[in-house]
N, C-alpha and C. Protein backbone atom coordinates (compact mmCIF):
# COMPACT_ATOMS: atom_id res chain seq x y z
N UNK A 1 69.00 124.76 55.61
CA UNK A 1 69.63 124.60 54.30
C UNK A 1 68.86 123.59 53.45
N UNK A 2 68.63 123.90 52.21
CA UNK A 2 67.88 123.03 51.34
C UNK A 2 68.68 121.78 50.99
N UNK A 3 67.94 120.72 50.64
CA UNK A 3 68.58 119.46 50.29
C UNK A 3 69.53 119.62 49.12
N UNK A 4 69.12 120.39 48.12
CA UNK A 4 69.98 120.59 46.95
C UNK A 4 71.27 121.30 47.33
N UNK A 5 71.19 122.24 48.27
CA UNK A 5 72.38 122.95 48.72
C UNK A 5 73.32 122.01 49.47
N UNK A 6 72.72 121.15 50.31
CA UNK A 6 73.54 120.19 51.07
C UNK A 6 74.24 119.22 50.12
N UNK A 7 73.51 118.80 49.10
CA UNK A 7 74.12 117.88 48.13
C UNK A 7 75.26 118.54 47.38
N UNK A 8 75.07 119.81 47.03
CA UNK A 8 76.13 120.52 46.30
C UNK A 8 77.37 120.68 47.17
N UNK A 9 77.17 121.01 48.44
CA UNK A 9 78.30 121.16 49.37
C UNK A 9 79.04 119.84 49.51
N UNK A 10 78.28 118.75 49.65
CA UNK A 10 78.90 117.43 49.77
C UNK A 10 79.65 117.07 48.49
N UNK A 11 79.05 117.36 47.36
CA UNK A 11 79.71 117.05 46.09
C UNK A 11 81.04 117.79 45.97
N UNK A 12 81.06 119.06 46.32
CA UNK A 12 82.30 119.83 46.25
C UNK A 12 83.35 119.27 47.22
N UNK A 13 82.89 118.84 48.40
CA UNK A 13 83.82 118.26 49.37
C UNK A 13 84.40 116.95 48.86
N UNK A 14 83.57 116.15 48.20
CA UNK A 14 84.05 114.88 47.65
C UNK A 14 85.02 115.11 46.49
N UNK A 15 84.73 116.09 45.63
CA UNK A 15 85.64 116.38 44.52
C UNK A 15 86.98 116.87 45.05
N UNK A 16 86.94 117.72 46.08
CA UNK A 16 88.19 118.21 46.67
C UNK A 16 88.98 117.06 47.29
N UNK A 17 88.28 116.15 47.96
CA UNK A 17 88.94 115.00 48.56
C UNK A 17 89.52 114.10 47.48
N UNK A 18 88.77 113.92 46.40
CA UNK A 18 89.23 113.09 45.29
C UNK A 18 90.45 113.72 44.62
N UNK A 19 90.44 115.04 44.49
CA UNK A 19 91.58 115.72 43.89
C UNK A 19 92.84 115.52 44.72
N UNK A 20 92.72 115.62 46.02
CA UNK A 20 93.87 115.41 46.90
C UNK A 20 94.35 113.96 46.82
N UNK A 21 93.40 113.04 46.74
CA UNK A 21 93.77 111.62 46.67
C UNK A 21 94.52 111.31 45.38
N UNK A 22 94.03 111.85 44.27
CA UNK A 22 94.70 111.62 42.98
C UNK A 22 96.08 112.26 42.97
N UNK A 23 96.19 113.47 43.51
CA UNK A 23 97.49 114.15 43.54
C UNK A 23 98.51 113.37 44.35
N UNK A 24 98.04 112.66 45.37
CA UNK A 24 98.96 111.92 46.24
C UNK A 24 99.22 110.50 45.74
N UNK A 25 98.19 109.84 45.21
CA UNK A 25 98.31 108.41 44.91
C UNK A 25 97.88 108.03 43.50
N UNK A 26 97.49 108.98 42.68
CA UNK A 26 96.97 108.64 41.37
C UNK A 26 95.55 108.11 41.46
N UNK A 27 95.08 107.55 40.37
CA UNK A 27 93.70 107.04 40.35
C UNK A 27 93.48 105.94 41.36
N UNK A 28 94.54 105.25 41.75
CA UNK A 28 94.41 104.20 42.76
C UNK A 28 93.95 104.76 44.10
N UNK A 29 94.11 106.08 44.29
CA UNK A 29 93.70 106.70 45.54
C UNK A 29 92.21 106.95 45.65
N UNK A 30 91.47 106.74 44.56
CA UNK A 30 90.02 106.97 44.59
C UNK A 30 89.32 105.75 45.18
N UNK A 31 89.18 105.76 46.48
CA UNK A 31 88.52 104.68 47.21
C UNK A 31 87.33 105.27 47.97
N UNK A 32 86.17 104.70 47.76
CA UNK A 32 84.94 105.27 48.30
C UNK A 32 85.01 105.47 49.81
N UNK A 33 85.50 104.47 50.53
CA UNK A 33 85.52 104.57 51.99
C UNK A 33 86.41 105.71 52.46
N UNK A 34 87.57 105.84 51.85
CA UNK A 34 88.49 106.91 52.25
C UNK A 34 87.93 108.29 51.91
N UNK A 35 87.32 108.40 50.72
CA UNK A 35 86.74 109.69 50.32
C UNK A 35 85.59 110.08 51.24
N UNK A 36 84.75 109.10 51.59
CA UNK A 36 83.63 109.38 52.48
C UNK A 36 84.12 109.84 53.85
N UNK A 37 85.17 109.19 54.35
CA UNK A 37 85.70 109.57 55.66
C UNK A 37 86.24 110.99 55.63
N UNK A 38 86.93 111.36 54.55
CA UNK A 38 87.50 112.70 54.47
C UNK A 38 86.42 113.76 54.29
N UNK A 39 85.35 113.40 53.55
CA UNK A 39 84.27 114.36 53.32
C UNK A 39 83.26 114.38 54.47
N UNK A 40 83.39 113.43 55.40
CA UNK A 40 82.50 113.40 56.55
C UNK A 40 81.11 112.91 56.24
N UNK A 41 81.02 111.88 55.39
CA UNK A 41 79.70 111.34 55.05
C UNK A 41 79.77 109.82 55.03
N UNK A 42 78.62 109.18 54.94
CA UNK A 42 78.57 107.73 54.79
C UNK A 42 78.96 107.36 53.36
N UNK A 43 79.46 106.15 53.19
CA UNK A 43 79.86 105.71 51.86
C UNK A 43 78.69 105.80 50.89
N UNK A 44 77.51 105.39 51.33
CA UNK A 44 76.34 105.42 50.46
C UNK A 44 75.95 106.81 50.03
N UNK A 45 76.31 107.82 50.83
CA UNK A 45 75.95 109.19 50.49
C UNK A 45 76.69 109.69 49.25
N UNK A 46 77.83 109.08 48.95
CA UNK A 46 78.57 109.48 47.75
C UNK A 46 77.69 109.36 46.52
N UNK A 47 76.92 108.26 46.47
CA UNK A 47 76.16 107.97 45.27
C UNK A 47 74.81 108.70 45.22
N UNK A 48 74.60 109.56 46.23
CA UNK A 48 73.47 110.48 46.16
C UNK A 48 73.82 111.75 45.39
N UNK A 49 75.14 111.98 45.23
CA UNK A 49 75.57 113.23 44.58
C UNK A 49 76.36 112.99 43.29
N UNK A 50 76.92 111.79 43.13
CA UNK A 50 77.58 111.41 41.88
C UNK A 50 77.14 110.00 41.52
N UNK A 51 77.20 109.71 40.23
CA UNK A 51 76.75 108.38 39.80
C UNK A 51 77.71 107.29 40.25
N UNK A 52 79.00 107.57 40.18
CA UNK A 52 80.01 106.57 40.54
C UNK A 52 81.36 107.27 40.69
N UNK A 53 82.39 106.48 40.99
CA UNK A 53 83.72 107.06 41.16
C UNK A 53 84.30 107.58 39.85
N UNK A 54 83.81 107.05 38.72
CA UNK A 54 84.26 107.59 37.44
C UNK A 54 83.87 109.05 37.30
N UNK A 55 82.69 109.41 37.80
CA UNK A 55 82.28 110.81 37.74
C UNK A 55 83.20 111.69 38.57
N UNK A 56 83.67 111.16 39.70
CA UNK A 56 84.62 111.92 40.51
C UNK A 56 85.96 112.05 39.78
N UNK A 57 86.37 110.99 39.11
CA UNK A 57 87.62 111.05 38.35
C UNK A 57 87.53 112.10 37.25
N UNK A 58 86.38 112.16 36.56
CA UNK A 58 86.20 113.17 35.52
C UNK A 58 86.22 114.57 36.11
N UNK A 59 85.62 114.73 37.28
CA UNK A 59 85.61 116.04 37.93
C UNK A 59 87.02 116.47 38.31
N UNK A 60 87.82 115.53 38.81
CA UNK A 60 89.21 115.83 39.14
C UNK A 60 89.98 116.20 37.88
N UNK A 61 89.80 115.42 36.82
CA UNK A 61 90.49 115.72 35.56
C UNK A 61 90.07 117.07 35.00
N UNK A 62 88.81 117.44 35.22
CA UNK A 62 88.35 118.75 34.77
C UNK A 62 89.12 119.86 35.49
N UNK A 63 89.36 119.67 36.78
CA UNK A 63 90.15 120.66 37.51
C UNK A 63 91.59 120.69 37.00
N UNK A 64 92.10 119.54 36.60
CA UNK A 64 93.44 119.49 36.04
C UNK A 64 93.48 120.20 34.70
N UNK A 65 92.44 120.02 33.88
CA UNK A 65 92.32 120.77 32.63
C UNK A 65 92.42 122.28 32.91
N UNK A 66 91.67 122.73 33.91
CA UNK A 66 91.64 124.15 34.23
C UNK A 66 93.01 124.64 34.68
N UNK A 67 93.69 123.83 35.48
CA UNK A 67 95.03 124.21 35.95
C UNK A 67 96.01 124.26 34.79
N UNK A 68 95.90 123.31 33.87
CA UNK A 68 96.77 123.30 32.71
C UNK A 68 96.49 124.51 31.81
N UNK A 69 95.23 124.87 31.68
CA UNK A 69 94.88 126.03 30.86
C UNK A 69 95.48 127.31 31.45
N UNK A 70 95.48 127.42 32.76
CA UNK A 70 96.09 128.59 33.38
C UNK A 70 97.58 128.66 33.05
N UNK A 71 98.23 127.50 33.07
CA UNK A 71 99.65 127.45 32.75
C UNK A 71 99.90 127.84 31.29
N UNK A 72 99.06 127.34 30.38
CA UNK A 72 99.23 127.66 28.97
C UNK A 72 98.97 129.14 28.71
N UNK A 73 97.96 129.69 29.37
CA UNK A 73 97.67 131.11 29.22
C UNK A 73 98.83 131.96 29.71
N UNK A 74 99.40 131.56 30.86
CA UNK A 74 100.54 132.30 31.40
C UNK A 74 101.75 132.21 30.47
N UNK A 75 101.92 131.04 29.85
CA UNK A 75 103.08 130.83 28.97
C UNK A 75 102.96 131.61 27.67
N UNK A 76 101.73 131.78 27.19
CA UNK A 76 101.53 132.41 25.88
C UNK A 76 101.00 133.82 25.96
N UNK A 77 100.32 134.14 27.05
CA UNK A 77 99.69 135.45 27.16
C UNK A 77 98.52 135.61 26.22
N UNK A 78 97.99 134.47 25.73
CA UNK A 78 96.93 134.51 24.74
C UNK A 78 95.83 133.55 25.14
N UNK A 79 94.59 134.01 24.99
CA UNK A 79 93.43 133.15 25.19
C UNK A 79 93.08 132.53 23.84
N UNK A 80 92.77 131.22 23.80
CA UNK A 80 92.52 130.59 22.50
C UNK A 80 91.32 131.13 21.76
N UNK A 81 90.43 131.82 22.46
CA UNK A 81 89.26 132.36 21.79
C UNK A 81 89.49 133.71 21.14
N UNK A 82 90.68 134.28 21.33
CA UNK A 82 90.97 135.61 20.79
C UNK A 82 91.86 135.51 19.55
N UNK A 83 91.82 136.55 18.75
CA UNK A 83 92.62 136.58 17.54
C UNK A 83 94.09 136.77 17.89
N UNK A 84 94.94 136.04 17.20
CA UNK A 84 96.38 136.14 17.44
C UNK A 84 96.92 137.49 16.98
N UNK A 85 98.13 137.82 17.40
CA UNK A 85 98.67 139.16 17.16
C UNK A 85 99.96 139.12 16.34
N UNK A 86 100.02 138.30 15.33
CA UNK A 86 101.21 138.30 14.49
C UNK A 86 101.83 136.94 14.33
N UNK A 87 102.16 136.61 13.11
CA UNK A 87 102.67 135.27 12.83
C UNK A 87 104.11 135.07 13.27
N UNK A 88 104.87 136.17 13.39
CA UNK A 88 106.28 136.03 13.73
C UNK A 88 106.51 135.43 15.11
N UNK A 89 105.50 135.48 15.96
CA UNK A 89 105.66 134.96 17.31
C UNK A 89 105.04 133.58 17.47
N UNK A 90 104.49 133.04 16.40
CA UNK A 90 103.76 131.78 16.50
C UNK A 90 104.66 130.61 16.90
N UNK A 91 105.82 130.51 16.30
CA UNK A 91 106.72 129.40 16.61
C UNK A 91 107.17 129.47 18.06
N UNK A 92 107.54 130.68 18.51
CA UNK A 92 107.97 130.84 19.90
C UNK A 92 106.85 130.46 20.85
N UNK A 93 105.61 130.78 20.47
CA UNK A 93 104.47 130.46 21.32
C UNK A 93 104.28 128.94 21.41
N UNK A 94 104.44 128.25 20.29
CA UNK A 94 104.32 126.79 20.29
C UNK A 94 105.39 126.15 21.18
N UNK A 95 106.59 126.67 21.12
CA UNK A 95 107.68 126.13 21.94
C UNK A 95 107.43 126.40 23.41
N UNK A 96 106.97 127.60 23.73
CA UNK A 96 106.67 127.92 25.13
C UNK A 96 105.58 127.01 25.67
N UNK A 97 104.56 126.74 24.84
CA UNK A 97 103.49 125.85 25.29
C UNK A 97 104.00 124.44 25.52
N UNK A 98 104.85 123.95 24.62
CA UNK A 98 105.39 122.60 24.78
C UNK A 98 106.16 122.48 26.09
N UNK A 99 106.96 123.48 26.38
CA UNK A 99 107.75 123.42 27.61
C UNK A 99 106.91 123.69 28.85
N UNK A 100 105.87 124.49 28.70
CA UNK A 100 104.95 124.69 29.82
C UNK A 100 104.23 123.38 30.14
N UNK A 101 103.86 122.64 29.10
CA UNK A 101 103.22 121.33 29.30
C UNK A 101 104.17 120.38 30.01
N UNK A 102 105.43 120.36 29.59
CA UNK A 102 106.42 119.53 30.26
C UNK A 102 106.54 119.90 31.73
N UNK A 103 106.66 121.18 32.03
CA UNK A 103 106.80 121.62 33.41
C UNK A 103 105.57 121.25 34.24
N UNK A 104 104.39 121.40 33.65
CA UNK A 104 103.16 121.05 34.36
C UNK A 104 103.14 119.57 34.69
N UNK A 105 103.50 118.73 33.70
CA UNK A 105 103.50 117.29 33.92
C UNK A 105 104.50 116.89 35.00
N UNK A 106 105.67 117.52 34.98
CA UNK A 106 106.69 117.19 35.95
C UNK A 106 106.30 117.62 37.36
N UNK A 107 105.58 118.72 37.47
CA UNK A 107 105.20 119.26 38.77
C UNK A 107 103.95 118.60 39.33
N UNK A 108 103.09 118.12 38.45
CA UNK A 108 101.80 117.54 38.86
C UNK A 108 101.69 116.11 38.31
N UNK A 109 102.67 115.28 38.63
CA UNK A 109 102.84 113.99 37.98
C UNK A 109 101.59 113.12 38.06
N UNK A 110 101.03 112.96 39.24
CA UNK A 110 99.91 112.04 39.41
C UNK A 110 98.64 112.57 38.73
N UNK A 111 98.39 113.85 38.88
CA UNK A 111 97.21 114.43 38.23
C UNK A 111 97.35 114.37 36.71
N UNK A 112 98.55 114.61 36.22
CA UNK A 112 98.82 114.52 34.78
C UNK A 112 98.59 113.10 34.27
N UNK A 113 99.09 112.11 35.01
CA UNK A 113 98.89 110.72 34.61
C UNK A 113 97.41 110.38 34.54
N UNK A 114 96.65 110.88 35.50
CA UNK A 114 95.22 110.54 35.57
C UNK A 114 94.47 110.98 34.33
N UNK A 115 94.92 112.04 33.68
CA UNK A 115 94.26 112.50 32.46
C UNK A 115 94.26 111.43 31.38
N UNK A 116 95.31 110.61 31.37
CA UNK A 116 95.48 109.63 30.30
C UNK A 116 95.22 108.19 30.75
N UNK A 117 95.27 107.96 32.05
CA UNK A 117 95.06 106.61 32.55
C UNK A 117 93.59 106.29 32.78
N UNK A 118 92.78 107.31 33.03
CA UNK A 118 91.37 107.04 33.34
C UNK A 118 90.63 106.56 32.10
N UNK A 119 89.88 105.49 32.27
CA UNK A 119 89.05 104.93 31.20
C UNK A 119 87.64 104.72 31.74
N UNK A 120 86.67 105.16 30.98
CA UNK A 120 85.28 104.91 31.35
C UNK A 120 84.91 103.48 31.00
N UNK A 121 83.96 102.91 31.71
CA UNK A 121 83.51 101.54 31.39
C UNK A 121 82.95 101.47 29.98
N UNK A 122 83.03 100.31 29.37
CA UNK A 122 82.49 100.12 28.03
C UNK A 122 81.02 100.50 28.00
N UNK A 123 80.64 101.28 27.01
CA UNK A 123 79.26 101.69 26.87
C UNK A 123 78.92 103.00 27.54
N UNK A 124 79.83 103.55 28.34
CA UNK A 124 79.59 104.84 28.98
C UNK A 124 80.33 105.91 28.20
N UNK A 125 79.63 106.77 27.47
CA UNK A 125 80.31 107.76 26.62
C UNK A 125 80.93 108.89 27.44
N UNK A 126 81.97 109.46 26.89
CA UNK A 126 82.58 110.62 27.53
C UNK A 126 81.61 111.79 27.44
N UNK A 127 81.37 112.50 28.53
CA UNK A 127 80.42 113.63 28.49
C UNK A 127 80.86 114.72 27.52
N UNK A 128 79.88 115.37 26.91
CA UNK A 128 80.18 116.44 25.95
C UNK A 128 80.96 117.57 26.60
N UNK A 129 80.64 117.89 27.86
CA UNK A 129 81.34 119.00 28.51
C UNK A 129 82.83 118.68 28.68
N UNK A 130 83.14 117.40 28.90
CA UNK A 130 84.53 117.00 29.08
C UNK A 130 85.27 117.08 27.75
N UNK A 131 84.64 116.59 26.69
CA UNK A 131 85.23 116.68 25.36
C UNK A 131 85.43 118.14 24.96
N UNK A 132 84.50 119.00 25.38
CA UNK A 132 84.62 120.42 25.10
C UNK A 132 85.85 121.04 25.76
N UNK A 133 86.15 120.59 26.97
CA UNK A 133 87.35 121.08 27.66
C UNK A 133 88.61 120.68 26.90
N UNK A 134 88.64 119.44 26.43
CA UNK A 134 89.80 118.98 25.67
C UNK A 134 89.96 119.79 24.38
N UNK A 135 88.84 120.03 23.71
CA UNK A 135 88.88 120.80 22.47
C UNK A 135 89.40 122.22 22.73
N UNK A 136 88.99 122.82 23.82
CA UNK A 136 89.45 124.17 24.15
C UNK A 136 90.97 124.17 24.37
N UNK A 137 91.50 123.16 25.03
CA UNK A 137 92.95 123.10 25.24
C UNK A 137 93.69 122.96 23.91
N UNK A 138 93.16 122.15 23.02
CA UNK A 138 93.79 122.03 21.70
C UNK A 138 93.75 123.36 20.95
N UNK A 139 92.77 124.20 21.30
CA UNK A 139 92.68 125.51 20.67
C UNK A 139 93.92 126.36 20.89
N UNK A 140 94.63 126.13 22.00
CA UNK A 140 95.86 126.87 22.25
C UNK A 140 96.92 126.55 21.20
N UNK A 141 96.92 125.32 20.71
CA UNK A 141 97.87 124.93 19.67
C UNK A 141 97.38 125.39 18.30
N UNK A 142 96.08 125.29 18.10
CA UNK A 142 95.53 125.66 16.79
C UNK A 142 95.73 127.13 16.46
N UNK A 143 95.72 127.98 17.47
CA UNK A 143 95.81 129.42 17.20
C UNK A 143 97.12 129.81 16.51
N UNK A 144 98.29 129.45 17.04
CA UNK A 144 99.52 129.81 16.31
C UNK A 144 99.64 129.07 14.97
N UNK A 145 99.06 127.87 14.88
CA UNK A 145 99.06 127.18 13.59
C UNK A 145 98.24 127.95 12.56
N UNK A 146 97.19 128.61 13.01
CA UNK A 146 96.38 129.43 12.12
C UNK A 146 97.21 130.61 11.61
N UNK A 147 98.08 131.16 12.45
CA UNK A 147 98.98 132.23 12.02
C UNK A 147 99.96 131.73 10.97
N UNK A 148 100.50 130.53 11.23
CA UNK A 148 101.54 129.99 10.35
C UNK A 148 100.98 129.47 9.03
N UNK A 149 99.78 128.88 9.11
CA UNK A 149 99.20 128.22 7.93
C UNK A 149 97.77 128.70 7.73
N UNK A 150 97.60 129.96 7.35
CA UNK A 150 96.25 130.53 7.26
C UNK A 150 95.37 129.86 6.21
N UNK A 151 95.96 129.22 5.22
CA UNK A 151 95.15 128.60 4.17
C UNK A 151 94.75 127.17 4.49
N UNK A 152 95.27 126.63 5.57
CA UNK A 152 94.93 125.25 5.93
C UNK A 152 93.48 125.16 6.38
N UNK A 153 92.80 124.10 5.95
CA UNK A 153 91.40 123.90 6.34
C UNK A 153 91.30 123.69 7.84
N UNK A 154 90.25 124.22 8.48
CA UNK A 154 90.12 124.11 9.94
C UNK A 154 90.21 122.68 10.46
N UNK A 155 89.59 121.74 9.75
CA UNK A 155 89.63 120.35 10.24
C UNK A 155 91.04 119.77 10.14
N UNK A 156 91.80 120.18 9.13
CA UNK A 156 93.18 119.73 9.02
C UNK A 156 94.05 120.37 10.10
N UNK A 157 93.77 121.63 10.40
CA UNK A 157 94.52 122.32 11.44
C UNK A 157 94.24 121.68 12.80
N UNK A 158 93.00 121.31 13.03
CA UNK A 158 92.65 120.65 14.29
C UNK A 158 93.39 119.33 14.43
N UNK A 159 93.48 118.57 13.33
CA UNK A 159 94.21 117.31 13.37
C UNK A 159 95.70 117.54 13.57
N UNK A 160 96.24 118.56 12.92
CA UNK A 160 97.65 118.88 13.08
C UNK A 160 97.97 119.27 14.52
N UNK A 161 97.08 120.00 15.14
CA UNK A 161 97.28 120.38 16.55
C UNK A 161 97.39 119.14 17.42
N UNK A 162 96.57 118.15 17.16
CA UNK A 162 96.62 116.91 17.93
C UNK A 162 97.88 116.12 17.63
N UNK A 163 98.33 116.18 16.39
CA UNK A 163 99.58 115.50 16.04
C UNK A 163 100.76 116.14 16.75
N UNK A 164 100.80 117.47 16.77
CA UNK A 164 101.89 118.16 17.45
C UNK A 164 101.86 117.89 18.95
N UNK A 165 100.65 117.86 19.50
CA UNK A 165 100.55 117.52 20.92
C UNK A 165 101.07 116.12 21.17
N UNK A 166 100.68 115.17 20.31
CA UNK A 166 101.10 113.79 20.50
C UNK A 166 102.61 113.65 20.47
N UNK A 167 103.27 114.40 19.59
CA UNK A 167 104.72 114.36 19.51
C UNK A 167 105.35 114.87 20.81
N UNK A 168 104.83 115.99 21.29
CA UNK A 168 105.35 116.55 22.55
C UNK A 168 105.03 115.63 23.72
N UNK A 169 103.80 115.14 23.77
CA UNK A 169 103.40 114.26 24.86
C UNK A 169 104.26 113.00 24.89
N UNK A 170 104.59 112.48 23.71
CA UNK A 170 105.44 111.28 23.68
C UNK A 170 106.80 111.53 24.30
N UNK A 171 107.40 112.67 24.00
CA UNK A 171 108.70 113.00 24.59
C UNK A 171 108.57 113.15 26.10
N UNK A 172 107.54 113.87 26.53
CA UNK A 172 107.33 114.09 27.96
C UNK A 172 107.10 112.75 28.68
N UNK A 173 106.28 111.90 28.11
CA UNK A 173 105.99 110.62 28.74
C UNK A 173 107.22 109.74 28.83
N UNK A 174 107.95 109.61 27.75
CA UNK A 174 109.15 108.78 27.76
C UNK A 174 110.17 109.30 28.77
N UNK A 175 110.27 110.62 28.87
CA UNK A 175 111.23 111.20 29.79
C UNK A 175 110.83 111.09 31.25
N UNK A 176 109.60 111.50 31.55
CA UNK A 176 109.16 111.51 32.95
C UNK A 176 108.93 110.11 33.48
N UNK A 177 108.49 109.20 32.62
CA UNK A 177 108.26 107.82 33.07
C UNK A 177 109.52 106.97 32.94
N UNK A 178 110.59 107.60 32.45
CA UNK A 178 111.90 106.94 32.34
C UNK A 178 111.83 105.65 31.54
N UNK A 179 111.02 105.68 30.46
CA UNK A 179 110.90 104.50 29.61
C UNK A 179 112.21 104.21 28.88
N UNK A 180 112.99 105.25 28.63
CA UNK A 180 114.27 105.08 27.95
C UNK A 180 115.43 105.47 28.86
N UNK A 181 115.22 105.32 30.16
CA UNK A 181 116.23 105.73 31.12
C UNK A 181 115.98 107.15 31.60
N UNK A 182 116.68 107.52 32.65
CA UNK A 182 116.50 108.84 33.24
C UNK A 182 116.96 109.94 32.28
N UNK A 183 116.10 110.96 32.12
CA UNK A 183 116.42 112.11 31.27
C UNK A 183 116.13 113.36 32.07
N UNK A 184 117.06 114.29 32.09
CA UNK A 184 116.88 115.52 32.87
C UNK A 184 115.80 116.39 32.24
N UNK A 185 115.20 117.25 33.07
CA UNK A 185 114.20 118.18 32.56
C UNK A 185 114.80 119.12 31.52
N UNK A 186 116.05 119.50 31.73
CA UNK A 186 116.70 120.39 30.77
C UNK A 186 116.79 119.72 29.40
N UNK A 187 117.15 118.45 29.39
CA UNK A 187 117.26 117.75 28.11
C UNK A 187 115.89 117.54 27.48
N UNK A 188 114.89 117.28 28.31
CA UNK A 188 113.54 117.14 27.78
C UNK A 188 113.06 118.45 27.15
N UNK A 189 113.40 119.57 27.77
CA UNK A 189 113.05 120.86 27.18
C UNK A 189 113.75 121.04 25.84
N UNK A 190 115.00 120.61 25.77
CA UNK A 190 115.72 120.70 24.50
C UNK A 190 115.03 119.86 23.43
N UNK A 191 114.57 118.69 23.82
CA UNK A 191 113.95 117.79 22.86
C UNK A 191 112.58 118.29 22.41
N UNK A 192 111.79 118.83 23.34
CA UNK A 192 110.49 119.36 22.94
C UNK A 192 110.67 120.56 22.02
N UNK A 193 111.66 121.40 22.33
CA UNK A 193 111.94 122.54 21.46
C UNK A 193 112.36 122.05 20.07
N UNK A 194 113.19 121.03 20.03
CA UNK A 194 113.67 120.49 18.76
C UNK A 194 112.54 119.93 17.92
N UNK A 195 111.65 119.14 18.53
CA UNK A 195 110.60 118.50 17.75
C UNK A 195 109.60 119.51 17.23
N UNK A 196 109.24 120.49 18.05
CA UNK A 196 108.29 121.52 17.59
C UNK A 196 108.91 122.33 16.46
N UNK A 197 110.17 122.71 16.62
CA UNK A 197 110.84 123.49 15.57
C UNK A 197 110.94 122.70 14.28
N UNK A 198 111.25 121.40 14.40
CA UNK A 198 111.39 120.56 13.20
C UNK A 198 110.07 120.42 12.46
N UNK A 199 108.99 120.24 13.21
CA UNK A 199 107.67 120.11 12.57
C UNK A 199 107.31 121.39 11.83
N UNK A 200 107.49 122.52 12.50
CA UNK A 200 107.14 123.80 11.88
C UNK A 200 108.01 124.08 10.66
N UNK A 201 109.31 123.79 10.76
CA UNK A 201 110.21 123.99 9.63
C UNK A 201 109.75 123.17 8.43
N UNK A 202 109.36 121.93 8.68
CA UNK A 202 108.87 121.09 7.60
C UNK A 202 107.59 121.62 6.98
N UNK A 203 106.69 122.11 7.82
CA UNK A 203 105.42 122.64 7.32
C UNK A 203 105.61 123.89 6.47
N UNK A 204 106.61 124.69 6.81
CA UNK A 204 106.82 125.95 6.11
C UNK A 204 107.85 125.85 4.98
N UNK A 205 108.36 124.65 4.75
CA UNK A 205 109.36 124.49 3.71
C UNK A 205 108.79 124.85 2.34
N UNK A 206 109.57 125.47 1.48
CA UNK A 206 109.09 125.83 0.14
C UNK A 206 108.58 124.59 -0.61
N UNK A 207 107.46 124.75 -1.23
CA UNK A 207 106.89 123.65 -2.00
C UNK A 207 106.09 122.67 -1.17
N UNK A 208 106.02 122.90 0.15
CA UNK A 208 105.25 121.99 1.00
C UNK A 208 103.76 122.19 0.71
N UNK A 209 103.08 121.10 0.37
CA UNK A 209 101.65 121.18 0.11
C UNK A 209 100.89 121.26 1.42
N UNK A 210 100.03 122.24 1.55
CA UNK A 210 99.18 122.39 2.73
C UNK A 210 97.78 121.96 2.36
N UNK A 211 97.28 120.94 3.06
CA UNK A 211 95.96 120.41 2.74
C UNK A 211 94.87 121.35 3.20
């Protein structure tokens, strides 16, 4: 087996081990010695295939992005790269996505947290491929917004998608992290449905200026 093949196999084993560690313990579970033991390599061998543990964290988060995208696709039946099929279903699609996001966060708590808790060291930029994954996920929100607000400028629609996500994410975070006390999943679904509906109603109100 070639050296490059061995390195790739080891890298995949380390990413899988890191994913299991994050799912069980969050980012605190990313410990070089434990990962090396699970992958069957020396601690120093880790740094022959990845630059540091931050790279492993990004790789785990990338897998979480992919898992979340599968959930969003299942909830909407639409790929963000394809043309939407009618504006009348756009609001329902936004609500389904909001609740799918809630369910994903509740089911994959530690992996979900890692998406927002991980920080790269100062001076180390986020890789373009990682930013591209985030942009693709926001595309799921932008698509129904394009149906609802076809005259809105693309850059404004992109910002609106992030604003709508932030509103939903805030409800999910406050509920799941019990920042305001324990809230049932059913009530959180009611609240995400309410906030998405309220935002869309405001955007579509007569006389509302669309930038």
